[in-house]
Amino acid sequence: MALGSRSLSRRRQASGARFRSARVRHHHPDGTWDQQCISGRSPTEICLTDDSNVYYYMDSSGEFELETPDRDAVKSALSRYRTNTDLSITYDATPVFSGGGETDTIWQEGAFGMPDYFRGLTWCNDPVNGTRHRCDQHYIRIRGAGTYNQKIAGHEAGHAFGLVHGAEASPVQGQCADRMGIMRASVSCTDSPGLGAVVKQNINWIY
């Protein structure tokens, strides 16, 4: 991204006015959460994808293959981000797993070594050198046996885009606060897969 460009500066100013009106920051980093992005499978690591052009791949064979309903859930969840935010999201049929130009998000189905109450986990596989918060490639793994749905897929995608839960927001929000939208922490908080206005504002401010 050309951070010094005038067009981006004007866009940031306009976006910033809308963002300040939301009065809640729940992107990484914010005034509450500022951990460095590191590689590894952990529920406490949140990183930003490296830019607004997001390429994703859904595992199509082997242990972590997504079945058709799971793939449909991912597509529907990502279409909300594509339609309602400044992110450009494209499926990558020939994924890159190392080196330059890695595919941004790799979607999988299966276990990930966490207690059963974790429905899904997003982690960074390759932090961007020279940055504190950016990740070149995320893995998103959601449990099988019917766990995959649009709400959980949308929530985990939000983590890959740098969004946090209410406890890490600034100011801190309840885990089921309405303004957290798709980033409400518990699956019992809402049945809606909608992003929510504050989620859209936060993403558009970051990217």
Protein backbone atom coordinates (compact mmCIF):
# COMPACT_ATOMS: atom_id res chain seq x y z
CA MET A 1 0.00 0.00 0.00
CA ALA A 2 1.18 3.48 -0.85
CA LEU A 3 0.74 4.99 2.58
CA GLY A 4 2.04 8.38 1.46
CA SER A 5 -0.37 8.87 -1.42
CA ARG A 6 -2.69 11.88 -1.36
CA SER A 7 -5.69 9.84 -2.47
CA LEU A 8 -5.23 7.41 0.40
CA SER A 9 -4.74 10.33 2.79
CA ARG A 10 -8.06 11.87 1.75
CA ARG A 11 -9.75 8.48 1.98
CA ARG A 12 -8.29 7.92 5.45
CA GLN A 13 -9.54 11.34 6.59
CA ALA A 14 -13.08 10.61 5.41
CA SER A 15 -12.97 7.10 6.80
CA GLY A 16 -11.52 8.42 10.04
CA ALA A 17 -14.49 10.74 10.56
CA ARG A 18 -16.87 7.81 10.16
CA PHE A 19 -14.65 5.63 12.36
CA ARG A 20 -14.50 8.17 15.21
CA SER A 21 -18.29 8.33 15.19
CA ALA A 22 -18.37 4.61 16.03
CA ARG A 23 -16.38 5.31 19.24
CA VAL A 24 -15.27 1.67 19.45
CA ARG A 25 -12.00 0.35 18.11
CA HIS A 26 -11.72 -3.39 17.96
CA HIS A 27 -9.02 -3.76 15.37
CA HIS A 28 -5.47 -4.74 16.22
CA PRO A 29 -3.77 -2.66 17.55
CA ASP A 30 -6.10 -0.49 19.58
CA GLY A 31 -5.85 1.26 22.94
CA THR A 32 -6.40 -2.01 24.80
CA TRP A 33 -4.64 -4.65 22.70
CA ASP A 34 -1.20 -4.25 21.14
CA GLN A 35 0.58 -7.59 21.10
CA GLN A 36 3.16 -8.28 18.44
CA CYS A 37 2.13 -10.64 15.65
CA ILE A 38 4.01 -13.93 15.97
CA SER A 39 3.82 -17.27 14.22
CA GLY A 40 2.05 -20.10 16.00
CA ARG A 41 -1.27 -21.68 16.84
CA SER A 42 -2.62 -19.66 19.76
CA PRO A 43 -6.06 -18.21 20.63
CA THR A 44 -4.43 -15.03 21.96
CA GLU A 45 -2.51 -14.02 18.83
CA ILE A 46 -4.27 -11.55 16.51
CA CYS A 47 -2.61 -10.16 13.38
CA LEU A 48 -3.63 -8.00 10.45
CA THR A 49 -3.55 -9.46 6.96
CA ASP A 50 -0.86 -7.73 4.94
CA ASP A 51 -3.09 -5.54 2.72
CA SER A 52 -6.62 -5.04 1.38
CA ASN A 53 -6.21 -7.53 -1.48
CA VAL A 54 -7.10 -10.83 0.17
CA TYR A 55 -6.58 -14.16 -1.58
CA TYR A 56 -8.01 -17.27 0.06
CA TYR A 57 -7.93 -21.01 -0.48
CA MET A 58 -10.16 -23.77 0.91
CA ASP A 59 -8.42 -27.11 1.50
CA SER A 60 -9.70 -29.46 -1.18
CA SER A 61 -8.10 -32.77 -0.19
CA GLY A 62 -6.59 -34.65 2.72
CA GLU A 63 -7.18 -34.45 6.45
CA PHE A 64 -8.45 -30.86 6.53
CA GLU A 65 -10.60 -30.85 3.39
CA LEU A 66 -13.73 -28.69 3.43
CA GLU A 67 -16.96 -30.37 2.37
CA THR A 68 -19.47 -28.61 0.13
CA PRO A 69 -21.61 -27.07 2.95
CA ASP A 70 -18.45 -25.78 4.64
CA ARG A 71 -17.20 -24.23 1.40
CA ASP A 72 -20.59 -22.57 0.90
CA ALA A 73 -20.42 -21.11 4.43
CA VAL A 74 -16.99 -19.60 3.76
CA LYS A 75 -18.07 -18.14 0.43
CA SER A 76 -21.18 -16.55 1.97
CA ALA A 77 -19.26 -15.15 4.93
CA LEU A 78 -16.54 -13.64 2.75
CA SER A 79 -19.08 -12.19 0.34
CA ARG A 80 -20.30 -9.95 3.18
CA TYR A 81 -16.81 -8.55 3.65
CA ARG A 82 -16.35 -8.15 -0.11
CA THR A 83 -19.68 -6.34 -0.51
CA ASN A 84 -19.65 -4.21 2.64
CA THR A 85 -16.01 -3.24 3.19
CA ASP A 86 -13.01 -1.97 1.24
CA LEU A 87 -11.45 -5.44 1.13
CA SER A 88 -10.98 -7.09 -2.26
CA ILE A 89 -11.42 -10.84 -1.74
CA THR A 90 -10.51 -13.41 -4.41
CA TYR A 91 -10.37 -17.20 -4.44
CA ASP A 92 -6.90 -18.59 -5.18
CA ALA A 93 -7.17 -21.95 -6.97
CA THR A 94 -3.37 -22.30 -7.08
CA PRO A 95 -2.35 -21.42 -3.52
CA VAL A 96 1.17 -20.41 -2.53
CA PHE A 97 2.36 -21.70 0.85
CA SER A 98 5.85 -20.22 1.09
CA GLY A 99 8.08 -17.49 -0.25
CA GLY A 100 6.78 -14.30 -1.80
CA GLY A 101 3.12 -13.74 -2.56
CA GLU A 102 1.71 -16.34 -0.20
CA THR A 103 -2.03 -16.97 -0.29
CA ASP A 104 -3.44 -14.80 2.52
CA THR A 105 -5.87 -17.21 4.21
CA ILE A 106 -5.95 -21.01 4.13
CA TRP A 107 -9.30 -22.43 5.26
CA GLN A 108 -9.42 -25.90 6.81
CA GLU A 109 -11.82 -28.19 8.65
CA GLY A 110 -10.69 -30.23 11.63
CA ALA A 111 -9.31 -30.27 15.16
CA PHE A 112 -6.61 -27.83 16.25
CA GLY A 113 -5.53 -28.92 19.73
CA MET A 114 -7.82 -26.68 21.78
CA PRO A 115 -10.71 -27.47 24.16
CA ASP A 116 -14.07 -28.35 22.60
CA TYR A 117 -15.60 -24.97 23.38
CA PHE A 118 -13.29 -23.45 20.75
CA ARG A 119 -15.31 -23.79 17.55
CA GLY A 120 -12.60 -22.32 15.35
CA LEU A 121 -9.09 -20.91 15.47
CA THR A 122 -7.23 -18.38 13.32
CA TRP A 123 -3.46 -18.13 13.52
CA CYS A 124 -0.58 -16.51 11.66
CA ASN A 125 1.79 -18.81 9.83
CA ASP A 126 4.16 -16.13 8.54
CA PRO A 127 4.45 -12.65 10.11
CA VAL A 128 5.60 -9.91 7.75
CA ASN A 129 9.25 -9.09 8.44
CA GLY A 130 9.85 -5.57 9.67
CA THR A 131 6.28 -5.06 10.90
CA ARG A 132 4.74 -5.49 14.33
CA HIS A 133 1.17 -6.41 13.45
CA ARG A 134 1.03 -7.77 9.88
CA CYS A 135 0.79 -11.38 8.71
CA ASP A 136 1.50 -12.72 5.21
CA GLN A 137 -0.48 -15.93 5.65
CA HIS A 138 -3.21 -16.97 8.10
CA TYR A 139 -4.66 -20.41 8.69
CA ILE A 140 -8.32 -20.65 9.68
CA ARG A 141 -9.46 -24.02 10.97
CA ILE A 142 -13.02 -24.75 12.12
CA ARG A 143 -14.22 -27.99 13.63
CA GLY A 144 -16.16 -30.47 11.52
CA ALA A 145 -19.33 -32.43 12.29
CA GLY A 146 -21.63 -29.56 11.30
CA THR A 147 -19.73 -26.82 13.15
CA TYR A 148 -19.01 -24.79 10.02
CA ASN A 149 -21.58 -22.06 9.40
CA GLN A 150 -21.62 -18.50 8.08
CA LYS A 151 -21.48 -16.95 11.56
CA ILE A 152 -18.38 -18.84 12.71
CA ALA A 153 -16.69 -18.44 9.33
CA GLY A 154 -17.38 -14.69 9.39
CA HIS A 155 -16.05 -14.42 12.94
CA GLU A 156 -12.80 -16.23 12.19
CA ALA A 157 -12.32 -14.22 9.00
CA GLY A 158 -12.64 -11.10 11.15
CA HIS A 159 -9.69 -12.27 13.25
CA ALA A 160 -7.62 -12.74 10.07
CA PHE A 161 -8.48 -9.13 9.18
CA GLY A 162 -7.24 -7.97 12.58
CA LEU A 163 -10.47 -7.74 14.59
CA VAL A 164 -10.61 -8.64 18.28
CA HIS A 165 -13.30 -9.50 20.84
CA GLY A 166 -15.02 -7.03 23.15
CA ALA A 167 -12.56 -7.63 25.99
CA GLU A 168 -9.74 -6.41 23.76
CA ALA A 169 -11.64 -3.47 22.23
CA SER A 170 -11.11 0.17 23.13
CA PRO A 171 -13.07 1.04 25.14
CA VAL A 172 -13.63 -2.49 26.44
CA GLN A 173 -17.00 -3.96 25.46
CA GLY A 174 -19.08 -6.83 26.78
CA GLN A 175 -18.43 -10.08 24.96
CA CYS A 176 -22.01 -10.03 23.62
CA ALA A 177 -22.27 -6.27 23.05
CA ASP A 178 -24.41 -5.53 20.00
CA ARG A 179 -21.87 -3.14 18.52
CA MET A 180 -19.29 -5.97 18.28
CA GLY A 181 -21.36 -7.45 15.45
CA ILE A 182 -19.87 -10.64 14.01
CA MET A 183 -17.01 -10.39 16.56
CA ARG A 184 -19.19 -11.19 19.57
CA ALA A 185 -17.13 -13.73 21.42
CA SER A 186 -19.66 -16.48 22.07
CA VAL A 187 -21.68 -18.40 19.48
CA SER A 188 -24.65 -18.05 21.84
CA CYS A 189 -24.60 -14.22 21.60
CA THR A 190 -26.44 -14.03 18.29
CA ASP A 191 -27.70 -16.12 15.40
CA SER A 192 -26.96 -13.39 12.87
CA PRO A 193 -24.04 -13.76 10.41
CA GLY A 194 -24.19 -10.02 9.62
CA LEU A 195 -20.99 -8.03 10.08
CA GLY A 196 -22.41 -5.03 11.91
CA ALA A 197 -21.75 -1.33 11.26
CA VAL A 198 -18.80 -0.98 13.65
CA VAL A 199 -17.03 -3.98 12.12
CA LYS A 200 -17.32 -2.38 8.68
CA GLN A 201 -16.00 0.93 9.98
CA ASN A 202 -13.03 -0.68 11.70
CA ILE A 203 -12.02 -2.67 8.63
CA ASN A 204 -12.33 0.32 6.33
CA TRP A 205 -10.18 2.36 8.68
CA ILE A 206 -7.41 -0.28 8.74
CA TYR A 207 -7.36 -0.99 5.01
